[in-house]
């Protein structure tokens, strides 16, 4: 199912992602390379729309941050 997001208010979008052996996390078709320490792990991916950032958490520990802008 495909959806379009015309407007994202300031806030958080939380997703769970599995990191495979290619060391990439897929966010709606955009891939980000992560540390090999995260391979075969589930991470919590939080998109922070106000600051245009993607934060990855393993358990409750912040492990990586990327610039991330939602596009319409």
C-alpha atoms as a PDB file:
ATOM      1  CA  UNK A   1       0.000   0.000   0.000  1.00  0.00           C
ATOM      2  CA  UNK A   2       1.357   3.427  -0.975  1.00  0.00           C
ATOM      3  CA  UNK A   3       0.487   6.590   0.839  1.00  0.00           C
ATOM      4  CA  UNK A   4       1.335  10.234   0.349  1.00  0.00           C
ATOM      5  CA  UNK A   5       2.123  12.640   3.126  1.00  0.00           C
ATOM      6  CA  UNK A   6       1.342  16.181   2.023  1.00  0.00           C
ATOM      7  CA  UNK A   7       1.996  17.766   5.402  1.00  0.00           C
ATOM      8  CA  UNK A   8       3.716  16.496   8.522  1.00  0.00           C
ATOM      9  CA  UNK A   9       3.127  18.529  11.683  1.00  0.00           C
ATOM     10  CA  UNK A  10       5.967  18.947  14.156  1.00  0.00           C
ATOM     11  CA  UNK A  11       6.273  15.785  16.171  1.00  0.00           C
ATOM     12  CA  UNK A  12       7.577  12.215  16.028  1.00  0.00           C
ATOM     13  CA  UNK A  13       6.962   9.254  13.760  1.00  0.00           C
ATOM     14  CA  UNK A  14       8.130   5.993  15.317  1.00  0.00           C
ATOM     15  CA  UNK A  15       8.857   2.820  13.343  1.00  0.00           C
ATOM     16  CA  UNK A  16      10.550  -0.498  14.073  1.00  0.00           C
ATOM     17  CA  UNK A  17      13.091  -1.655  11.501  1.00  0.00           C
ATOM     18  CA  UNK A  18      15.211  -4.815  11.154  1.00  0.00           C
ATOM     19  CA  UNK A  19      18.857  -4.352  10.129  1.00  0.00           C
ATOM     20  CA  UNK A  20      20.011  -7.032   7.695  1.00  0.00           C
ATOM     21  CA  UNK A  21      23.563  -8.005   6.720  1.00  0.00           C
ATOM     22  CA  UNK A  22      23.793  -5.101   4.236  1.00  0.00           C
ATOM     23  CA  UNK A  23      23.939  -2.721   7.247  1.00  0.00           C
ATOM     24  CA  UNK A  24      21.147  -0.502   5.898  1.00  0.00           C
ATOM     25  CA  UNK A  25      17.942   0.774   7.385  1.00  0.00           C
ATOM     26  CA  UNK A  26      15.187   1.468   4.861  1.00  0.00           C
ATOM     27  CA  UNK A  27      12.964   4.468   5.510  1.00  0.00           C
ATOM     28  CA  UNK A  28      10.246   4.607   2.850  1.00  0.00           C
ATOM     29  CA  UNK A  29      12.716   3.699   0.083  1.00  0.00           C
ATOM     30  CA  UNK A  30      15.595   5.846   1.340  1.00  0.00           C
ATOM     31  CA  UNK A  31      18.470   3.815   2.796  1.00  0.00           C
ATOM     32  CA  UNK A  32      20.903   4.776   5.550  1.00  0.00           C
ATOM     33  CA  UNK A  33      24.048   2.802   6.360  1.00  0.00           C
ATOM     34  CA  UNK A  34      24.482   1.848  10.007  1.00  0.00           C
ATOM     35  CA  UNK A  35      27.185   0.328  12.172  1.00  0.00           C
ATOM     36  CA  UNK A  36      27.939  -3.384  11.762  1.00  0.00           C
ATOM     37  CA  UNK A  37      27.122  -3.709  15.474  1.00  0.00           C
ATOM     38  CA  UNK A  38      23.432  -3.293  14.556  1.00  0.00           C
ATOM     39  CA  UNK A  39      23.319  -6.145  12.001  1.00  0.00           C
ATOM     40  CA  UNK A  40      20.495  -8.612  12.740  1.00  0.00           C
ATOM     41  CA  UNK A  41      18.936  -6.273  15.294  1.00  0.00           C
ATOM     42  CA  UNK A  42      15.596  -4.538  15.515  1.00  0.00           C
ATOM     43  CA  UNK A  43      15.915  -0.804  16.041  1.00  0.00           C
ATOM     44  CA  UNK A  44      13.410   1.890  16.900  1.00  0.00           C
ATOM     45  CA  UNK A  45      13.574   4.557  14.190  1.00  0.00           C
ATOM     46  CA  UNK A  46      12.201   7.944  15.204  1.00  0.00           C
ATOM     47  CA  UNK A  47      11.617  10.650  12.608  1.00  0.00           C
ATOM     48  CA  UNK A  48      11.631  14.024  14.353  1.00  0.00           C
ATOM     49  CA  UNK A  49       9.777  16.257  11.907  1.00  0.00           C
ATOM     50  CA  UNK A  50      10.505  19.553  13.675  1.00  0.00           C
ATOM     51  CA  UNK A  51      14.297  19.203  13.441  1.00  0.00           C
ATOM     52  CA  UNK A  52      14.377  17.035  10.262  1.00  0.00           C
ATOM     53  CA  UNK A  53      16.258  14.190  11.907  1.00  0.00           C
ATOM     54  CA  UNK A  54      16.142  10.392  12.009  1.00  0.00           C
ATOM     55  CA  UNK A  55      17.263   8.835  15.273  1.00  0.00           C
ATOM     56  CA  UNK A  56      17.945   5.122  15.732  1.00  0.00           C
ATOM     57  CA  UNK A  57      17.653   3.450  19.129  1.00  0.00           C
ATOM     58  CA  UNK A  58      18.759  -0.010  20.221  1.00  0.00           C
ATOM     59  CA  UNK A  59      16.696  -0.732  23.309  1.00  0.00           C
ATOM     60  CA  UNK A  60      16.596   2.727  24.908  1.00  0.00           C
ATOM     61  CA  UNK A  61      20.071   3.793  23.759  1.00  0.00           C
ATOM     62  CA  UNK A  62      20.472   6.341  20.946  1.00  0.00           C
ATOM     63  CA  UNK A  63      22.939   4.737  18.509  1.00  0.00           C
ATOM     64  CA  UNK A  64      22.803   6.973  15.415  1.00  0.00           C
ATOM     65  CA  UNK A  65      21.326  10.182  14.021  1.00  0.00           C
ATOM     66  CA  UNK A  66      20.846  11.224  10.388  1.00  0.00           C
ATOM     67  CA  UNK A  67      19.489  14.297   8.617  1.00  0.00           C
ATOM     68  CA  UNK A  68      16.019  13.379   7.337  1.00  0.00           C
ATOM     69  CA  UNK A  69      13.393  15.478   5.587  1.00  0.00           C
ATOM     70  CA  UNK A  70       9.949  14.175   4.758  1.00  0.00           C
ATOM     71  CA  UNK A  71       9.054  15.033   1.196  1.00  0.00           C
ATOM     72  CA  UNK A  72       5.587  15.434  -0.208  1.00  0.00           C
END
